[in-house]
Amino acid sequence: RENLFVAPTYASASASQTFTKAATVAISAAPIQG
């Protein structure tokens, strides 16, 4: 694999930490016409 993104581990020091959405790679949108 030429480019490898390894999934991170998310943790919390206290109970009940909720991540509604989590992604290793996220693309916000296609290029925007300026």
PDB file of all heavy atoms in Angstrom:
ATOM      1  N   ARG A   1       0.854  -1.176   0.000  1.00  0.00           N
ATOM      2  CA  ARG A   1       0.000   0.000   0.000  1.00  0.00           C
ATOM      3  C   ARG A   1       0.894   1.231   0.000  1.00  0.00           C
ATOM      4  O   ARG A   1       1.712   1.399   0.892  1.00  0.00           O
ATOM      5  CB  ARG A   1      -0.924  -0.011   1.217  1.00  0.00           C
ATOM      6  CG  ARG A   1      -1.903  -1.199   1.159  1.00  0.00           C
ATOM      7  CD  ARG A   1      -2.643  -1.378   2.430  1.00  0.00           C
ATOM      8  NE  ARG A   1      -1.738  -1.877   3.459  1.00  0.00           N
ATOM      9  CZ  ARG A   1      -2.138  -2.243   4.662  1.00  0.00           C
ATOM     10  NH1 ARG A   1      -3.399  -2.164   4.987  1.00  0.00           N
ATOM     11  NH2 ARG A   1      -1.275  -2.676   5.553  1.00  0.00           N
ATOM     12  N   GLU A   2       0.725   2.069  -0.989  1.00  0.00           N
ATOM     13  CA  GLU A   2       1.574   3.257  -1.115  1.00  0.00           C
ATOM     14  C   GLU A   2       1.238   4.319  -0.078  1.00  0.00           C
ATOM     15  O   GLU A   2       2.112   4.959   0.479  1.00  0.00           O
ATOM     16  CB  GLU A   2       1.448   3.840  -2.518  1.00  0.00           C
ATOM     17  CG  GLU A   2       2.550   4.792  -2.875  1.00  0.00           C
ATOM     18  CD  GLU A   2       3.930   4.136  -2.897  1.00  0.00           C
ATOM     19  OE1 GLU A   2       4.039   2.944  -3.219  1.00  0.00           O
ATOM     20  OE2 GLU A   2       4.898   4.838  -2.573  1.00  0.00           O
ATOM     21  N   ASN A   3      -0.038   4.534   0.163  1.00  0.00           N
ATOM     22  CA  ASN A   3      -0.480   5.483   1.189  1.00  0.00           C
ATOM     23  C   ASN A   3      -1.410   4.728   2.131  1.00  0.00           C
ATOM     24  O   ASN A   3      -2.418   4.186   1.699  1.00  0.00           O
ATOM     25  CB  ASN A   3      -1.229   6.663   0.562  1.00  0.00           C
ATOM     26  CG  ASN A   3      -0.325   7.470  -0.332  1.00  0.00           C
ATOM     27  OD1 ASN A   3       0.612   8.085   0.133  1.00  0.00           O
ATOM     28  ND2 ASN A   3      -0.583   7.437  -1.621  1.00  0.00           N
ATOM     29  N   LEU A   4      -1.067   4.721   3.396  1.00  0.00           N
ATOM     30  CA  LEU A   4      -1.834   3.972   4.389  1.00  0.00           C
ATOM     31  C   LEU A   4      -2.215   4.897   5.529  1.00  0.00           C
ATOM     32  O   LEU A   4      -1.352   5.513   6.153  1.00  0.00           O
ATOM     33  CB  LEU A   4      -1.007   2.793   4.923  1.00  0.00           C
ATOM     34  CG  LEU A   4      -1.604   2.004   6.079  1.00  0.00           C
ATOM     35  CD1 LEU A   4      -2.917   1.339   5.665  1.00  0.00           C
ATOM     36  CD2 LEU A   4      -0.599   0.977   6.573  1.00  0.00           C
ATOM     37  N   PHE A   5      -3.501   5.026   5.781  1.00  0.00           N
ATOM     38  CA  PHE A   5      -3.991   5.785   6.920  1.00  0.00           C
ATOM     39  C   PHE A   5      -4.421   4.762   7.968  1.00  0.00           C
ATOM     40  O   PHE A   5      -5.349   3.995   7.731  1.00  0.00           O
ATOM     41  CB  PHE A   5      -5.197   6.655   6.530  1.00  0.00           C
ATOM     42  CG  PHE A   5      -4.871   7.695   5.498  1.00  0.00           C
ATOM     43  CD1 PHE A   5      -5.043   7.437   4.153  1.00  0.00           C
ATOM     44  CD2 PHE A   5      -4.383   8.931   5.885  1.00  0.00           C
ATOM     45  CE1 PHE A   5      -4.736   8.390   3.200  1.00  0.00           C
ATOM     46  CE2 PHE A   5      -4.079   9.897   4.939  1.00  0.00           C
ATOM     47  CZ  PHE A   5      -4.252   9.622   3.591  1.00  0.00           C
ATOM     48  N   VAL A   6      -3.751   4.734   9.089  1.00  0.00           N
ATOM     49  CA  VAL A   6      -4.068   3.791  10.149  1.00  0.00           C
ATOM     50  C   VAL A   6      -5.140   4.397  11.038  1.00  0.00           C
ATOM     51  O   VAL A   6      -5.047   5.568  11.425  1.00  0.00           O
ATOM     52  CB  VAL A   6      -2.803   3.455  10.976  1.00  0.00           C
ATOM     53  CG1 VAL A   6      -3.129   2.497  12.105  1.00  0.00           C
ATOM     54  CG2 VAL A   6      -1.739   2.866  10.057  1.00  0.00           C
ATOM     55  N   ALA A   7      -6.166   3.620  11.336  1.00  0.00           N
ATOM     56  CA  ALA A   7      -7.279   4.108  12.140  1.00  0.00           C
ATOM     57  C   ALA A   7      -6.807   4.518  13.528  1.00  0.00           C
ATOM     58  O   ALA A   7      -6.097   3.764  14.191  1.00  0.00           O
ATOM     59  CB  ALA A   7      -8.352   3.030  12.256  1.00  0.00           C
ATOM     60  N   PRO A   8      -7.179   5.712  13.973  1.00  0.00           N
ATOM     61  CA  PRO A   8      -6.796   6.146  15.315  1.00  0.00           C
ATOM     62  C   PRO A   8      -7.704   5.506  16.368  1.00  0.00           C
ATOM     63  O   PRO A   8      -8.791   5.021  16.050  1.00  0.00           O
ATOM     64  CB  PRO A   8      -7.035   7.663  15.269  1.00  0.00           C
ATOM     65  CG  PRO A   8      -8.137   7.814  14.282  1.00  0.00           C
ATOM     66  CD  PRO A   8      -7.911   6.742  13.247  1.00  0.00           C
ATOM     67  N   THR A   9      -7.249   5.507  17.599  1.00  0.00           N
ATOM     68  CA  THR A   9      -8.076   5.064  18.717  1.00  0.00           C
ATOM     69  C   THR A   9      -8.510   6.299  19.484  1.00  0.00           C
ATOM     70  O   THR A   9      -7.679   7.125  19.865  1.00  0.00           O
ATOM     71  CB  THR A   9      -7.281   4.131  19.656  1.00  0.00           C
ATOM     72  OG1 THR A   9      -6.868   2.985  18.913  1.00  0.00           O
ATOM     73  CG2 THR A   9      -8.123   3.701  20.838  1.00  0.00           C
ATOM     74  N   TYR A  10      -9.802   6.454  19.706  1.00  0.00           N
ATOM     75  CA  TYR A  10     -10.329   7.569  20.479  1.00  0.00           C
ATOM     76  C   TYR A  10     -10.719   7.043  21.855  1.00  0.00           C
ATOM     77  O   TYR A  10     -11.393   6.027  21.969  1.00  0.00           O
ATOM     78  CB  TYR A  10     -11.553   8.186  19.808  1.00  0.00           C
ATOM     79  CG  TYR A  10     -11.284   8.762  18.431  1.00  0.00           C
ATOM     80  CD1 TYR A  10     -12.215   8.650  17.424  1.00  0.00           C
ATOM     81  CD2 TYR A  10     -10.095   9.418  18.163  1.00  0.00           C
ATOM     82  CE1 TYR A  10     -11.977   9.184  16.170  1.00  0.00           C
ATOM     83  CE2 TYR A  10      -9.838   9.955  16.909  1.00  0.00           C
ATOM     84  CZ  TYR A  10     -10.787   9.833  15.918  1.00  0.00           C
ATOM     85  OH  TYR A  10     -10.534  10.362  14.674  1.00  0.00           O
ATOM     86  N   ALA A  11     -10.289   7.719  22.882  1.00  0.00           N
ATOM     87  CA  ALA A  11     -10.585   7.311  24.253  1.00  0.00           C
ATOM     88  C   ALA A  11     -10.969   8.545  25.061  1.00  0.00           C
ATOM     89  O   ALA A  11     -10.813   9.672  24.603  1.00  0.00           O
ATOM     90  CB  ALA A  11      -9.365   6.633  24.871  1.00  0.00           C
ATOM     91  N   SER A  12     -11.464   8.315  26.261  1.00  0.00           N
ATOM     92  CA  SER A  12     -11.853   9.417  27.126  1.00  0.00           C
ATOM     93  C   SER A  12     -11.459   9.103  28.566  1.00  0.00           C
ATOM     94  O   SER A  12     -11.495   7.941  28.984  1.00  0.00           O
ATOM     95  CB  SER A  12     -13.363   9.638  27.049  1.00  0.00           C
ATOM     96  OG  SER A  12     -13.760  10.650  27.940  1.00  0.00           O
ATOM     97  N   ALA A  13     -11.080  10.132  29.296  1.00  0.00           N
ATOM     98  CA  ALA A  13     -10.710   9.957  30.701  1.00  0.00           C
ATOM     99  C   ALA A  13     -11.929   9.732  31.587  1.00  0.00           C
ATOM    100  O   ALA A  13     -11.811   9.244  32.702  1.00  0.00           O
ATOM    101  CB  ALA A  13      -9.934  11.178  31.190  1.00  0.00           C
ATOM    102  N   SER A  14     -13.117  10.081  31.094  1.00  0.00           N
ATOM    103  CA  SER A  14     -14.334   9.882  31.876  1.00  0.00           C
ATOM    104  C   SER A  14     -15.311   9.018  31.094  1.00  0.00           C
ATOM    105  O   SER A  14     -15.185   8.836  29.893  1.00  0.00           O
ATOM    106  CB  SER A  14     -14.974  11.233  32.215  1.00  0.00           C
ATOM    107  OG  SER A  14     -15.340  11.901  31.029  1.00  0.00           O
ATOM    108  N   ALA A  15     -16.304   8.510  31.793  1.00  0.00           N
ATOM    109  CA  ALA A  15     -17.302   7.629  31.180  1.00  0.00           C
ATOM    110  C   ALA A  15     -18.237   8.412  30.264  1.00  0.00           C
ATOM    111  O   ALA A  15     -18.383   9.619  30.380  1.00  0.00           O
ATOM    112  CB  ALA A  15     -18.112   6.936  32.270  1.00  0.00           C
ATOM    113  N   SER A  16     -18.876   7.708  29.378  1.00  0.00           N
ATOM    114  CA  SER A  16     -19.935   8.224  28.518  1.00  0.00           C
ATOM    115  C   SER A  16     -19.486   9.272  27.516  1.00  0.00           C
ATOM    116  O   SER A  16     -20.241  10.177  27.167  1.00  0.00           O
ATOM    117  CB  SER A  16     -21.094   8.785  29.355  1.00  0.00           C
ATOM    118  OG  SER A  16     -21.619   7.774  30.174  1.00  0.00           O
ATOM    119  N   GLN A  17     -18.270   9.191  27.024  1.00  0.00           N
ATOM    120  CA  GLN A  17     -17.836  10.070  25.932  1.00  0.00           C
ATOM    121  C   GLN A  17     -18.431   9.533  24.645  1.00  0.00           C
ATOM    122  O   GLN A  17     -18.178   8.398  24.285  1.00  0.00           O
ATOM    123  CB  GLN A  17     -16.310  10.095  25.831  1.00  0.00           C
ATOM    124  CG  GLN A  17     -15.783  10.978  24.730  1.00  0.00           C
ATOM    125  CD  GLN A  17     -16.084  12.453  24.978  1.00  0.00           C
ATOM    126  OE1 GLN A  17     -15.831  12.962  26.048  1.00  0.00           O
ATOM    127  NE2 GLN A  17     -16.626  13.109  23.989  1.00  0.00           N
ATOM    128  N   THR A  18     -19.220  10.311  23.944  1.00  0.00           N
ATOM    129  CA  THR A  18     -19.882   9.881  22.715  1.00  0.00           C
ATOM    130  C   THR A  18     -19.318  10.622  21.523  1.00  0.00           C
ATOM    131  O   THR A  18     -19.225  11.849  21.546  1.00  0.00           O
ATOM    132  CB  THR A  18     -21.404  10.147  22.805  1.00  0.00           C
ATOM    133  OG1 THR A  18     -21.924   9.435  23.928  1.00  0.00           O
ATOM    134  CG2 THR A  18     -22.105   9.709  21.535  1.00  0.00           C
ATOM    135  N   PHE A  19     -18.934   9.874  20.509  1.00  0.00           N
ATOM    136  CA  PHE A  19     -18.536  10.446  19.231  1.00  0.00           C
ATOM    137  C   PHE A  19     -19.670  10.142  18.264  1.00  0.00           C
ATOM    138  O   PHE A  19     -19.861   8.989  17.890  1.00  0.00           O
ATOM    139  CB  PHE A  19     -17.226   9.830  18.729  1.00  0.00           C
ATOM    140  CG  PHE A  19     -16.065  10.082  19.640  1.00  0.00           C
ATOM    141  CD1 PHE A  19     -15.751   9.200  20.657  1.00  0.00           C
ATOM    142  CD2 PHE A  19     -15.292  11.217  19.486  1.00  0.00           C
ATOM    143  CE1 PHE A  19     -14.684   9.429  21.501  1.00  0.00           C
ATOM    144  CE2 PHE A  19     -14.216  11.471  20.334  1.00  0.00           C
ATOM    145  CZ  PHE A  19     -13.911  10.572  21.340  1.00  0.00           C
ATOM    146  N   THR A  20     -20.437  11.136  17.883  1.00  0.00           N
ATOM    147  CA  THR A  20     -21.575  10.909  17.000  1.00  0.00           C
ATOM    148  C   THR A  20     -21.123  10.397  15.637  1.00  0.00           C
ATOM    149  O   THR A  20     -21.716   9.503  15.069  1.00  0.00           O
ATOM    150  CB  THR A  20     -22.400  12.194  16.850  1.00  0.00           C
ATOM    151  OG1 THR A  20     -22.788  12.620  18.147  1.00  0.00           O
ATOM    152  CG2 THR A  20     -23.628  11.959  15.997  1.00  0.00           C
ATOM    153  N   LYS A  21     -20.061  10.979  15.114  1.00  0.00           N
ATOM    154  CA  LYS A  21     -19.458  10.513  13.867  1.00  0.00           C
ATOM    155  C   LYS A  21     -17.948  10.553  14.035  1.00  0.00           C
ATOM    156  O   LYS A  21     -17.415  11.491  14.617  1.00  0.00           O
ATOM    157  CB  LYS A  21     -19.862  11.386  12.687  1.00  0.00           C
ATOM    158  CG  LYS A  21     -21.338  11.307  12.346  1.00  0.00           C
ATOM    159  CD  LYS A  21     -21.654  12.147  11.131  1.00  0.00           C
ATOM    160  CE  LYS A  21     -23.148  12.037  10.818  1.00  0.00           C
ATOM    161  NZ  LYS A  21     -23.499  12.794   9.613  1.00  0.00           N
ATOM    162  N   ALA A  22     -17.266   9.547  13.527  1.00  0.00           N
ATOM    163  CA  ALA A  22     -15.809   9.512  13.568  1.00  0.00           C
ATOM    164  C   ALA A  22     -15.328   8.900  12.254  1.00  0.00           C
ATOM    165  O   ALA A  22     -15.924   7.964  11.752  1.00  0.00           O
ATOM    166  CB  ALA A  22     -15.320   8.690  14.751  1.00  0.00           C
ATOM    167  N   ALA A  23     -14.275   9.458  11.687  1.00  0.00           N
ATOM    168  CA  ALA A  23     -13.759   8.969  10.415  1.00  0.00           C
ATOM    169  C   ALA A  23     -12.246   9.051  10.396  1.00  0.00           C
ATOM    170  O   ALA A  23     -11.670  10.000  10.935  1.00  0.00           O
ATOM    171  CB  ALA A  23     -14.329   9.789   9.258  1.00  0.00           C
ATOM    172  N   THR A  24     -11.600   8.074   9.791  1.00  0.00           N
ATOM    173  CA  THR A  24     -10.157   8.128   9.604  1.00  0.00           C
ATOM    174  C   THR A  24      -9.812   9.117   8.506  1.00  0.00           C
ATOM    175  O   THR A  24      -8.845   9.864   8.604  1.00  0.00           O
ATOM    176  CB  THR A  24      -9.610   6.733   9.277  1.00  0.00           C
ATOM    177  OG1 THR A  24      -9.954   5.856  10.355  1.00  0.00           O
ATOM    178  CG2 THR A  24      -8.107   6.754   9.111  1.00  0.00           C
ATOM    179  N   VAL A  25     -10.605   9.135   7.448  1.00  0.00           N
ATOM    180  CA  VAL A  25     -10.438  10.105   6.360  1.00  0.00           C
ATOM    181  C   VAL A  25     -11.814  10.670   6.034  1.00  0.00           C
ATOM    182  O   VAL A  25     -12.765   9.922   5.856  1.00  0.00           O
ATOM    183  CB  VAL A  25      -9.844   9.458   5.087  1.00  0.00           C
ATOM    184  CG1 VAL A  25      -9.785  10.452   3.946  1.00  0.00           C
ATOM    185  CG2 VAL A  25      -8.461   8.881   5.368  1.00  0.00           C
ATOM    186  N   ALA A  26     -11.917  11.971   5.954  1.00  0.00           N
ATOM    187  CA  ALA A  26     -13.174  12.613   5.592  1.00  0.00           C
ATOM    188  C   ALA A  26     -12.902  13.637   4.501  1.00  0.00           C
ATOM    189  O   ALA A  26     -11.914  14.357   4.556  1.00  0.00           O
ATOM    190  CB  ALA A  26     -13.803  13.299   6.805  1.00  0.00           C
ATOM    191  N   ILE A  27     -13.756  13.667   3.511  1.00  0.00           N
ATOM    192  CA  ILE A  27     -13.665  14.637   2.424  1.00  0.00           C
ATOM    193  C   ILE A  27     -14.891  15.522   2.537  1.00  0.00           C
ATOM    194  O   ILE A  27     -16.015  15.041   2.439  1.00  0.00           O
ATOM    195  CB  ILE A  27     -13.618  13.929   1.053  1.00  0.00           C
ATOM    196  CG1 ILE A  27     -12.432  12.967   1.001  1.00  0.00           C
ATOM    197  CG2 ILE A  27     -13.562  14.943  -0.077  1.00  0.00           C
ATOM    198  CD1 ILE A  27     -12.430  12.039  -0.193  1.00  0.00           C
ATOM    199  N   SER A  28     -14.690  16.817   2.761  1.00  0.00           N
ATOM    200  CA  SER A  28     -15.817  17.696   3.039  1.00  0.00           C
ATOM    201  C   SER A  28     -16.721  17.908   1.826  1.00  0.00           C
ATOM    202  O   SER A  28     -17.920  18.047   1.963  1.00  0.00           O
ATOM    203  CB  SER A  28     -15.334  19.048   3.559  1.00  0.00           C
ATOM    204  OG  SER A  28     -14.637  19.739   2.545  1.00  0.00           O
ATOM    205  N   ALA A  29     -16.144  17.946   0.634  1.00  0.00           N
ATOM    206  CA  ALA A  29     -16.939  18.175  -0.571  1.00  0.00           C
ATOM    207  C   ALA A  29     -16.032  18.078  -1.789  1.00  0.00           C
ATOM    208  O   ALA A  29     -14.810  17.974  -1.669  1.00  0.00           O
ATOM    209  CB  ALA A  29     -17.595  19.547  -0.531  1.00  0.00           C
ATOM    210  N   ALA A  30     -16.647  18.162  -2.937  1.00  0.00           N
ATOM    211  CA  ALA A  30     -15.886  18.264  -4.186  1.00  0.00           C
ATOM    212  C   ALA A  30     -15.291  19.675  -4.260  1.00  0.00           C
ATOM    213  O   ALA A  30     -15.708  20.571  -3.519  1.00  0.00           O
ATOM    214  CB  ALA A  30     -16.811  18.015  -5.370  1.00  0.00           C
ATOM    215  N   PRO A  31     -14.321  19.908  -5.140  1.00  0.00           N
ATOM    216  CA  PRO A  31     -13.773  21.263  -5.288  1.00  0.00           C
ATOM    217  C   PRO A  31     -14.885  22.276  -5.551  1.00  0.00           C
ATOM    218  O   PRO A  31     -15.863  21.989  -6.248  1.00  0.00           O
ATOM    219  CB  PRO A  31     -12.852  21.146  -6.498  1.00  0.00           C
ATOM    220  CG  PRO A  31     -12.469  19.713  -6.532  1.00  0.00           C
ATOM    221  CD  PRO A  31     -13.680  18.963  -6.051  1.00  0.00           C
ATOM    222  N   ILE A  32     -14.728  23.462  -4.967  1.00  0.00           N
ATOM    223  CA  ILE A  32     -15.746  24.509  -5.051  1.00  0.00           C
ATOM    224  C   ILE A  32     -15.355  25.514  -6.129  1.00  0.00           C
ATOM    225  O   ILE A  32     -14.217  25.963  -6.188  1.00  0.00           O
ATOM    226  CB  ILE A  32     -15.900  25.206  -3.690  1.00  0.00           C
ATOM    227  CG1 ILE A  32     -16.356  24.179  -2.651  1.00  0.00           C
ATOM    228  CG2 ILE A  32     -16.869  26.378  -3.778  1.00  0.00           C
ATOM    229  CD1 ILE A  32     -16.235  24.653  -1.227  1.00  0.00           C
ATOM    230  N   GLN A  33     -16.311  25.844  -6.961  1.00  0.00           N
ATOM    231  CA  GLN A  33     -16.074  26.814  -8.033  1.00  0.00           C
ATOM    232  C   GLN A  33     -16.006  28.209  -7.441  1.00  0.00           C
ATOM    233  O   GLN A  33     -16.957  28.703  -6.867  1.00  0.00           O
ATOM    234  CB  GLN A  33     -17.199  26.704  -9.057  1.00  0.00           C
ATOM    235  CG  GLN A  33     -17.022  27.585 -10.265  1.00  0.00           C
ATOM    236  CD  GLN A  33     -18.069  27.258 -11.323  1.00  0.00           C
ATOM    237  OE1 GLN A  33     -18.159  26.136 -11.777  1.00  0.00           O
ATOM    238  NE2 GLN A  33     -18.845  28.253 -11.696  1.00  0.00           N
ATOM    239  N   GLY A  34     -14.848  28.850  -7.569  1.00  0.00           N
ATOM    240  CA  GLY A  34     -14.648  30.186  -7.031  1.00  0.00           C
ATOM    241  C   GLY A  34     -14.802  31.252  -8.105  1.00  0.00           C
ATOM    242  O   GLY A  34     -15.211  30.975  -9.239  1.00  0.00           O
TER     243      GLY A  34
END
